[in-house]
């Protein structure tokens, strides 16, 4: 058997088809013009081998695409699982917050019903020097979580004319209104409201002040220096 035919008969033999696209047309023309059976077989082998390589390349590409799809599906399932877990955590936090809200209001109402006055974290005289540089008679000031503090009265003495106080406890609000009436203090608005859900709309305040109020948000999760992200987002929004 000629050497060329022996090469073609070898199942491990691979023709160099790097120039397959360039030469196949020429070789096909030779095949059509020649009666040499070996040459015709050689051209057929080159064409078939080139087609096989293209099929292998297409199969490899399909396998690669399939692998990418599987990877994306795995990432999607992981993301969905994380989202589901976050939703469960958020719902648990909301339920806990709701229960805490009820407990805090009930506890506060009970306390404010009998307690005349209490100052959380020191009275105004201890931090007056820090606040005064920022006060202006034209400023509007909002105090959150006023409770039965006398902070708003002290701020009025320092020239604040537009003063609004809010507290979540209806008992605290009513008792503060009564105290202002007894003292003849006018112009200080006292509103029952949740500081996380205020109904002032677009009404601006130049200064918002709270004394120990932020701690209430963290009694079940985190603290004032390391707040839980969901609590922080709720406060900021």
C-alpha atoms as a PDB file:
ATOM      1  CA  UNK A   1       0.000   0.000   0.000  1.00  0.00           C
ATOM      2  CA  UNK A   2       1.434   3.438  -0.899  1.00  0.00           C
ATOM      3  CA  UNK A   3       2.631   5.579   2.035  1.00  0.00           C
ATOM      4  CA  UNK A   4      -0.168   8.117   1.542  1.00  0.00           C
ATOM      5  CA  UNK A   5      -2.843   5.434   1.656  1.00  0.00           C
ATOM      6  CA  UNK A   6      -1.250   3.912   4.763  1.00  0.00           C
ATOM      7  CA  UNK A   7      -1.442   7.328   6.419  1.00  0.00           C
ATOM      8  CA  UNK A   8      -5.121   7.656   5.569  1.00  0.00           C
ATOM      9  CA  UNK A   9      -5.807   4.166   6.888  1.00  0.00           C
ATOM     10  CA  UNK A  10      -4.266   5.052  10.290  1.00  0.00           C
ATOM     11  CA  UNK A  11      -7.209   5.958  12.636  1.00  0.00           C
ATOM     12  CA  UNK A  12      -4.916   8.231  14.720  1.00  0.00           C
ATOM     13  CA  UNK A  13      -3.748  10.192  11.680  1.00  0.00           C
ATOM     14  CA  UNK A  14      -4.832  13.837  11.607  1.00  0.00           C
ATOM     15  CA  UNK A  15      -4.313  16.033   8.576  1.00  0.00           C
ATOM     16  CA  UNK A  16      -3.175  19.575   9.127  1.00  0.00           C
ATOM     17  CA  UNK A  17      -6.268  21.565   8.123  1.00  0.00           C
ATOM     18  CA  UNK A  18      -5.025  24.979   9.227  1.00  0.00           C
ATOM     19  CA  UNK A  19      -5.395  26.024   5.605  1.00  0.00           C
ATOM     20  CA  UNK A  20      -8.540  23.969   5.071  1.00  0.00           C
ATOM     21  CA  UNK A  21     -10.811  26.901   4.222  1.00  0.00           C
ATOM     22  CA  UNK A  22      -8.271  28.254   1.718  1.00  0.00           C
ATOM     23  CA  UNK A  23      -7.463  24.976  -0.054  1.00  0.00           C
ATOM     24  CA  UNK A  24     -10.662  22.960  -0.046  1.00  0.00           C
ATOM     25  CA  UNK A  25     -12.124  24.697  -3.103  1.00  0.00           C
ATOM     26  CA  UNK A  26      -8.934  24.160  -5.080  1.00  0.00           C
ATOM     27  CA  UNK A  27      -8.729  20.517  -4.031  1.00  0.00           C
ATOM     28  CA  UNK A  28     -12.372  19.982  -4.889  1.00  0.00           C
ATOM     29  CA  UNK A  29     -11.693  21.315  -8.359  1.00  0.00           C
ATOM     30  CA  UNK A  30      -8.773  18.919  -8.655  1.00  0.00           C
ATOM     31  CA  UNK A  31     -11.008  16.083  -7.522  1.00  0.00           C
ATOM     32  CA  UNK A  32     -13.629  16.841 -10.131  1.00  0.00           C
ATOM     33  CA  UNK A  33     -10.983  17.094 -12.860  1.00  0.00           C
ATOM     34  CA  UNK A  34      -9.053  13.960 -11.917  1.00  0.00           C
ATOM     35  CA  UNK A  35      -9.718  10.278 -12.283  1.00  0.00           C
ATOM     36  CA  UNK A  36      -7.008   9.457  -9.734  1.00  0.00           C
ATOM     37  CA  UNK A  37      -8.973   7.497  -7.084  1.00  0.00           C
ATOM     38  CA  UNK A  38      -6.354   8.100  -4.382  1.00  0.00           C
ATOM     39  CA  UNK A  39      -6.421  11.858  -4.963  1.00  0.00           C
ATOM     40  CA  UNK A  40     -10.232  11.836  -4.887  1.00  0.00           C
ATOM     41  CA  UNK A  41     -10.123   9.853  -1.619  1.00  0.00           C
ATOM     42  CA  UNK A  42      -7.569  12.272  -0.194  1.00  0.00           C
ATOM     43  CA  UNK A  43      -9.769  15.278  -0.961  1.00  0.00           C
ATOM     44  CA  UNK A  44     -12.788  13.500   0.531  1.00  0.00           C
ATOM     45  CA  UNK A  45     -10.792  12.766   3.694  1.00  0.00           C
ATOM     46  CA  UNK A  46      -9.713  16.410   4.040  1.00  0.00           C
ATOM     47  CA  UNK A  47     -13.263  17.655   3.578  1.00  0.00           C
ATOM     48  CA  UNK A  48     -14.682  15.117   6.024  1.00  0.00           C
ATOM     49  CA  UNK A  49     -11.987  15.808   8.600  1.00  0.00           C
ATOM     50  CA  UNK A  50     -12.584  19.558   8.346  1.00  0.00           C
ATOM     51  CA  UNK A  51     -16.305  19.033   8.801  1.00  0.00           C
ATOM     52  CA  UNK A  52     -15.651  16.815  11.807  1.00  0.00           C
ATOM     53  CA  UNK A  53     -13.421  19.417  13.437  1.00  0.00           C
ATOM     54  CA  UNK A  54     -16.089  22.055  12.890  1.00  0.00           C
ATOM     55  CA  UNK A  55     -18.680  19.763  14.459  1.00  0.00           C
ATOM     56  CA  UNK A  56     -16.387  19.155  17.450  1.00  0.00           C
ATOM     57  CA  UNK A  57     -15.865  22.909  17.831  1.00  0.00           C
ATOM     58  CA  UNK A  58     -19.628  23.472  17.690  1.00  0.00           C
ATOM     59  CA  UNK A  59     -20.166  20.747  20.296  1.00  0.00           C
ATOM     60  CA  UNK A  60     -17.482  22.244  22.569  1.00  0.00           C
ATOM     61  CA  UNK A  61     -19.112  25.659  22.240  1.00  0.00           C
ATOM     62  CA  UNK A  62     -22.511  24.174  23.067  1.00  0.00           C
ATOM     63  CA  UNK A  63     -21.035  22.427  26.114  1.00  0.00           C
ATOM     64  CA  UNK A  64     -19.444  25.718  27.214  1.00  0.00           C
ATOM     65  CA  UNK A  65     -22.741  27.571  26.821  1.00  0.00           C
ATOM     66  CA  UNK A  66     -24.517  24.846  28.757  1.00  0.00           C
ATOM     67  CA  UNK A  67     -21.977  25.165  31.553  1.00  0.00           C
ATOM     68  CA  UNK A  68     -22.455  28.952  31.624  1.00  0.00           C
ATOM     69  CA  UNK A  69     -26.222  28.527  31.779  1.00  0.00           C
ATOM     70  CA  UNK A  70     -25.870  26.078  34.670  1.00  0.00           C
ATOM     71  CA  UNK A  71     -23.556  28.504  36.474  1.00  0.00           C
ATOM     72  CA  UNK A  72     -26.023  31.368  36.013  1.00  0.00           C
ATOM     73  CA  UNK A  73     -28.883  29.157  37.197  1.00  0.00           C
ATOM     74  CA  UNK A  74     -26.909  28.258  40.326  1.00  0.00           C
ATOM     75  CA  UNK A  75     -26.171  31.948  40.997  1.00  0.00           C
ATOM     76  CA  UNK A  76     -29.842  32.806  40.480  1.00  0.00           C
ATOM     77  CA  UNK A  77     -30.975  30.077  42.869  1.00  0.00           C
ATOM     78  CA  UNK A  78     -28.451  31.277  45.446  1.00  0.00           C
ATOM     79  CA  UNK A  79     -29.647  34.879  45.073  1.00  0.00           C
ATOM     80  CA  UNK A  80     -33.277  33.786  45.377  1.00  0.00           C
ATOM     81  CA  UNK A  81     -32.421  31.824  48.515  1.00  0.00           C
ATOM     82  CA  UNK A  82     -30.695  34.869  50.020  1.00  0.00           C
ATOM     83  CA  UNK A  83     -33.657  37.073  49.123  1.00  0.00           C
ATOM     84  CA  UNK A  84     -36.047  34.592  50.706  1.00  0.00           C
ATOM     85  CA  UNK A  85     -33.949  34.425  53.867  1.00  0.00           C
ATOM     86  CA  UNK A  86     -33.769  38.237  53.996  1.00  0.00           C
ATOM     87  CA  UNK A  87     -37.544  38.453  53.602  1.00  0.00           C
ATOM     88  CA  UNK A  88     -38.076  36.009  56.455  1.00  0.00           C
ATOM     89  CA  UNK A  89     -35.645  37.971  58.624  1.00  0.00           C
ATOM     90  CA  UNK A  90     -37.329  41.255  57.739  1.00  0.00           C
ATOM     91  CA  UNK A  91     -40.804  39.874  58.503  1.00  0.00           C
ATOM     92  CA  UNK A  92     -39.548  38.555  61.833  1.00  0.00           C
ATOM     93  CA  UNK A  93     -38.016  41.944  62.590  1.00  0.00           C
ATOM     94  CA  UNK A  94     -41.239  43.733  61.666  1.00  0.00           C
ATOM     95  CA  UNK A  95     -43.272  41.381  63.886  1.00  0.00           C
ATOM     96  CA  UNK A  96     -40.803  41.901  66.723  1.00  0.00           C
ATOM     97  CA  UNK A  97     -40.901  45.650  66.196  1.00  0.00           C
ATOM     98  CA  UNK A  98     -44.695  45.635  66.264  1.00  0.00           C
ATOM     99  CA  UNK A  99     -44.740  43.692  69.524  1.00  0.00           C
ATOM    100  CA  UNK A 100     -42.072  45.984  70.951  1.00  0.00           C
ATOM    101  CA  UNK A 101     -44.035  49.034  69.839  1.00  0.00           C
ATOM    102  CA  UNK A 102     -47.114  47.870  71.728  1.00  0.00           C
ATOM    103  CA  UNK A 103     -45.059  47.013  74.809  1.00  0.00           C
ATOM    104  CA  UNK A 104     -43.228  50.343  74.823  1.00  0.00           C
ATOM    105  CA  UNK A 105     -46.408  52.383  74.442  1.00  0.00           C
ATOM    106  CA  UNK A 106     -48.117  50.431  77.198  1.00  0.00           C
ATOM    107  CA  UNK A 107     -45.086  50.762  79.494  1.00  0.00           C
ATOM    108  CA  UNK A 108     -44.704  54.456  78.697  1.00  0.00           C
ATOM    109  CA  UNK A 109     -48.387  55.190  79.252  1.00  0.00           C
ATOM    110  CA  UNK A 110     -48.268  53.479  82.628  1.00  0.00           C
ATOM    111  CA  UNK A 111     -45.198  55.425  83.645  1.00  0.00           C
ATOM    112  CA  UNK A 112     -46.313  58.830  82.324  1.00  0.00           C
ATOM    113  CA  UNK A 113     -49.673  58.482  84.062  1.00  0.00           C
ATOM    114  CA  UNK A 114     -48.006  58.875  87.461  1.00  0.00           C
ATOM    115  CA  UNK A 115     -44.603  60.443  86.756  1.00  0.00           C
ATOM    116  CA  UNK A 116     -44.527  64.226  86.643  1.00  0.00           C
ATOM    117  CA  UNK A 117     -41.075  64.826  85.241  1.00  0.00           C
ATOM    118  CA  UNK A 118     -37.969  62.896  84.216  1.00  0.00           C
ATOM    119  CA  UNK A 119     -34.872  63.825  82.235  1.00  0.00           C
ATOM    120  CA  UNK A 120     -33.120  61.097  80.302  1.00  0.00           C
ATOM    121  CA  UNK A 121     -29.327  61.405  80.040  1.00  0.00           C
ATOM    122  CA  UNK A 122     -29.041  64.699  82.003  1.00  0.00           C
ATOM    123  CA  UNK A 123     -31.022  67.906  81.776  1.00  0.00           C
ATOM    124  CA  UNK A 124     -30.557  70.759  79.310  1.00  0.00           C
ATOM    125  CA  UNK A 125     -28.035  72.625  81.449  1.00  0.00           C
ATOM    126  CA  UNK A 126     -25.439  69.907  80.789  1.00  0.00           C
ATOM    127  CA  UNK A 127     -25.406  70.348  77.010  1.00  0.00           C
ATOM    128  CA  UNK A 128     -26.829  73.844  76.565  1.00  0.00           C
ATOM    129  CA  UNK A 129     -23.398  75.159  75.532  1.00  0.00           C
ATOM    130  CA  UNK A 130     -23.341  72.640  72.665  1.00  0.00           C
ATOM    131  CA  UNK A 131     -26.783  73.587  71.337  1.00  0.00           C
ATOM    132  CA  UNK A 132     -26.757  77.378  71.694  1.00  0.00           C
ATOM    133  CA  UNK A 133     -24.330  78.059  68.785  1.00  0.00           C
ATOM    134  CA  UNK A 134     -26.845  76.426  66.417  1.00  0.00           C
ATOM    135  CA  UNK A 135     -29.976  78.178  67.716  1.00  0.00           C
ATOM    136  CA  UNK A 136     -31.557  81.175  66.052  1.00  0.00           C
ATOM    137  CA  UNK A 137     -34.879  82.836  66.958  1.00  0.00           C
ATOM    138  CA  UNK A 138     -36.088  82.203  63.412  1.00  0.00           C
ATOM    139  CA  UNK A 139     -35.402  78.473  63.577  1.00  0.00           C
ATOM    140  CA  UNK A 140     -38.126  75.861  63.806  1.00  0.00           C
ATOM    141  CA  UNK A 141     -37.220  73.043  66.200  1.00  0.00           C
ATOM    142  CA  UNK A 142     -38.652  69.522  66.439  1.00  0.00           C
ATOM    143  CA  UNK A 143     -38.128  67.498  69.611  1.00  0.00           C
ATOM    144  CA  UNK A 144     -38.696  63.771  69.140  1.00  0.00           C
ATOM    145  CA  UNK A 145     -39.653  61.582  72.080  1.00  0.00           C
ATOM    146  CA  UNK A 146     -40.395  64.482  74.418  1.00  0.00           C
ATOM    147  CA  UNK A 147     -41.960  62.293  77.123  1.00  0.00           C
ATOM    148  CA  UNK A 148     -42.313  64.452  80.242  1.00  0.00           C
ATOM    149  CA  UNK A 149     -39.005  66.272  79.758  1.00  0.00           C
ATOM    150  CA  UNK A 150     -38.741  70.053  80.139  1.00  0.00           C
ATOM    151  CA  UNK A 151     -36.320  70.424  77.250  1.00  0.00           C
ATOM    152  CA  UNK A 152     -38.811  72.288  75.042  1.00  0.00           C
ATOM    153  CA  UNK A 153     -39.465  74.797  77.813  1.00  0.00           C
ATOM    154  CA  UNK A 154     -35.746  75.419  78.222  1.00  0.00           C
ATOM    155  CA  UNK A 155     -35.343  75.898  74.480  1.00  0.00           C
ATOM    156  CA  UNK A 156     -38.196  78.413  74.554  1.00  0.00           C
ATOM    157  CA  UNK A 157     -36.267  80.371  77.214  1.00  0.00           C
ATOM    158  CA  UNK A 158     -33.287  80.428  74.847  1.00  0.00           C
ATOM    159  CA  UNK A 159     -35.356  82.125  72.167  1.00  0.00           C
ATOM    160  CA  UNK A 160     -36.885  79.300  70.121  1.00  0.00           C
ATOM    161  CA  UNK A 161     -40.336  80.536  69.075  1.00  0.00           C
ATOM    162  CA  UNK A 162     -41.367  77.763  66.674  1.00  0.00           C
ATOM    163  CA  UNK A 163     -41.255  74.592  68.780  1.00  0.00           C
ATOM    164  CA  UNK A 164     -42.916  71.218  68.107  1.00  0.00           C
ATOM    165  CA  UNK A 165     -42.737  68.214  70.451  1.00  0.00           C
ATOM    166  CA  UNK A 166     -43.779  64.656  69.540  1.00  0.00           C
ATOM    167  CA  UNK A 167     -44.146  61.485  71.542  1.00  0.00           C
ATOM    168  CA  UNK A 168     -45.725  58.135  70.792  1.00  0.00           C
ATOM    169  CA  UNK A 169     -47.495  58.017  74.168  1.00  0.00           C
ATOM    170  CA  UNK A 170     -50.923  59.707  74.189  1.00  0.00           C
ATOM    171  CA  UNK A 171     -50.675  59.949  77.974  1.00  0.00           C
ATOM    172  CA  UNK A 172     -47.365  61.831  77.816  1.00  0.00           C
ATOM    173  CA  UNK A 173     -48.735  64.174  75.142  1.00  0.00           C
ATOM    174  CA  UNK A 174     -51.893  64.998  77.051  1.00  0.00           C
ATOM    175  CA  UNK A 175     -50.043  65.582  80.321  1.00  0.00           C
ATOM    176  CA  UNK A 176     -47.538  67.894  78.608  1.00  0.00           C
ATOM    177  CA  UNK A 177     -50.342  69.888  76.992  1.00  0.00           C
ATOM    178  CA  UNK A 178     -51.976  70.201  80.395  1.00  0.00           C
ATOM    179  CA  UNK A 179     -48.695  71.352  81.952  1.00  0.00           C
ATOM    180  CA  UNK A 180     -48.272  74.047  79.300  1.00  0.00           C
ATOM    181  CA  UNK A 181     -51.823  75.276  79.870  1.00  0.00           C
ATOM    182  CA  UNK A 182     -51.204  75.478  83.611  1.00  0.00           C
ATOM    183  CA  UNK A 183     -48.000  77.476  83.027  1.00  0.00           C
ATOM    184  CA  UNK A 184     -49.576  79.692  80.398  1.00  0.00           C
ATOM    185  CA  UNK A 185     -47.087  78.577  77.754  1.00  0.00           C
ATOM    186  CA  UNK A 186     -48.414  79.143  74.250  1.00  0.00           C
ATOM    187  CA  UNK A 187     -47.095  78.365  70.788  1.00  0.00           C
ATOM    188  CA  UNK A 188     -45.451  75.032  71.648  1.00  0.00           C
ATOM    189  CA  UNK A 189     -47.149  72.328  69.581  1.00  0.00           C
ATOM    190  CA  UNK A 190     -47.365  68.907  71.230  1.00  0.00           C
ATOM    191  CA  UNK A 191     -48.250  66.063  68.858  1.00  0.00           C
ATOM    192  CA  UNK A 192     -48.807  62.349  69.380  1.00  0.00           C
ATOM    193  CA  UNK A 193     -46.787  60.619  66.643  1.00  0.00           C
ATOM    194  CA  UNK A 194     -44.362  57.823  65.850  1.00  0.00           C
ATOM    195  CA  UNK A 195     -41.048  59.447  65.018  1.00  0.00           C
ATOM    196  CA  UNK A 196     -40.576  56.863  62.224  1.00  0.00           C
ATOM    197  CA  UNK A 197     -43.894  57.786  60.659  1.00  0.00           C
ATOM    198  CA  UNK A 198     -44.343  61.527  61.068  1.00  0.00           C
ATOM    199  CA  UNK A 199     -47.205  63.249  59.264  1.00  0.00           C
ATOM    200  CA  UNK A 200     -45.649  66.679  58.744  1.00  0.00           C
ATOM    201  CA  UNK A 201     -45.338  66.123  55.001  1.00  0.00           C
ATOM    202  CA  UNK A 202     -42.901  68.560  53.441  1.00  0.00           C
ATOM    203  CA  UNK A 203     -42.915  70.881  56.461  1.00  0.00           C
ATOM    204  CA  UNK A 204     -39.266  71.650  57.203  1.00  0.00           C
ATOM    205  CA  UNK A 205     -37.550  71.865  60.576  1.00  0.00           C
ATOM    206  CA  UNK A 206     -34.250  73.652  60.995  1.00  0.00           C
ATOM    207  CA  UNK A 207     -33.246  71.539  63.986  1.00  0.00           C
ATOM    208  CA  UNK A 208     -34.367  68.081  65.145  1.00  0.00           C
ATOM    209  CA  UNK A 209     -33.334  67.159  68.658  1.00  0.00           C
ATOM    210  CA  UNK A 210     -33.840  64.050  70.757  1.00  0.00           C
ATOM    211  CA  UNK A 211     -32.424  63.042  74.104  1.00  0.00           C
ATOM    212  CA  UNK A 212     -32.127  59.287  74.542  1.00  0.00           C
ATOM    213  CA  UNK A 213     -34.896  58.655  72.032  1.00  0.00           C
ATOM    214  CA  UNK A 214     -32.758  56.857  69.452  1.00  0.00           C
ATOM    215  CA  UNK A 215     -31.906  54.197  72.028  1.00  0.00           C
ATOM    216  CA  UNK A 216     -35.506  53.017  71.903  1.00  0.00           C
ATOM    217  CA  UNK A 217     -34.974  51.824  68.334  1.00  0.00           C
ATOM    218  CA  UNK A 218     -32.194  49.471  69.360  1.00  0.00           C
ATOM    219  CA  UNK A 219     -33.523  47.817  72.486  1.00  0.00           C
ATOM    220  CA  UNK A 220     -34.069  44.526  70.633  1.00  0.00           C
ATOM    221  CA  UNK A 221     -31.397  44.661  67.888  1.00  0.00           C
ATOM    222  CA  UNK A 222     -28.080  46.479  67.700  1.00  0.00           C
ATOM    223  CA  UNK A 223     -27.261  49.650  69.587  1.00  0.00           C
ATOM    224  CA  UNK A 224     -26.794  53.371  68.934  1.00  0.00           C
ATOM    225  CA  UNK A 225     -23.161  52.887  67.882  1.00  0.00           C
ATOM    226  CA  UNK A 226     -23.721  49.711  65.860  1.00  0.00           C
ATOM    227  CA  UNK A 227     -27.288  49.865  64.515  1.00  0.00           C
ATOM    228  CA  UNK A 228     -28.875  47.073  62.521  1.00  0.00           C
ATOM    229  CA  UNK A 229     -28.870  48.059  58.786  1.00  0.00           C
ATOM    230  CA  UNK A 230     -32.651  47.696  58.456  1.00  0.00           C
ATOM    231  CA  UNK A 231     -33.194  49.937  61.481  1.00  0.00           C
ATOM    232  CA  UNK A 232     -30.771  52.491  60.098  1.00  0.00           C
ATOM    233  CA  UNK A 233     -32.489  52.487  56.688  1.00  0.00           C
ATOM    234  CA  UNK A 234     -35.858  52.953  58.353  1.00  0.00           C
ATOM    235  CA  UNK A 235     -34.610  55.968  60.298  1.00  0.00           C
ATOM    236  CA  UNK A 236     -32.952  57.577  57.280  1.00  0.00           C
ATOM    237  CA  UNK A 237     -35.942  57.051  54.971  1.00  0.00           C
END
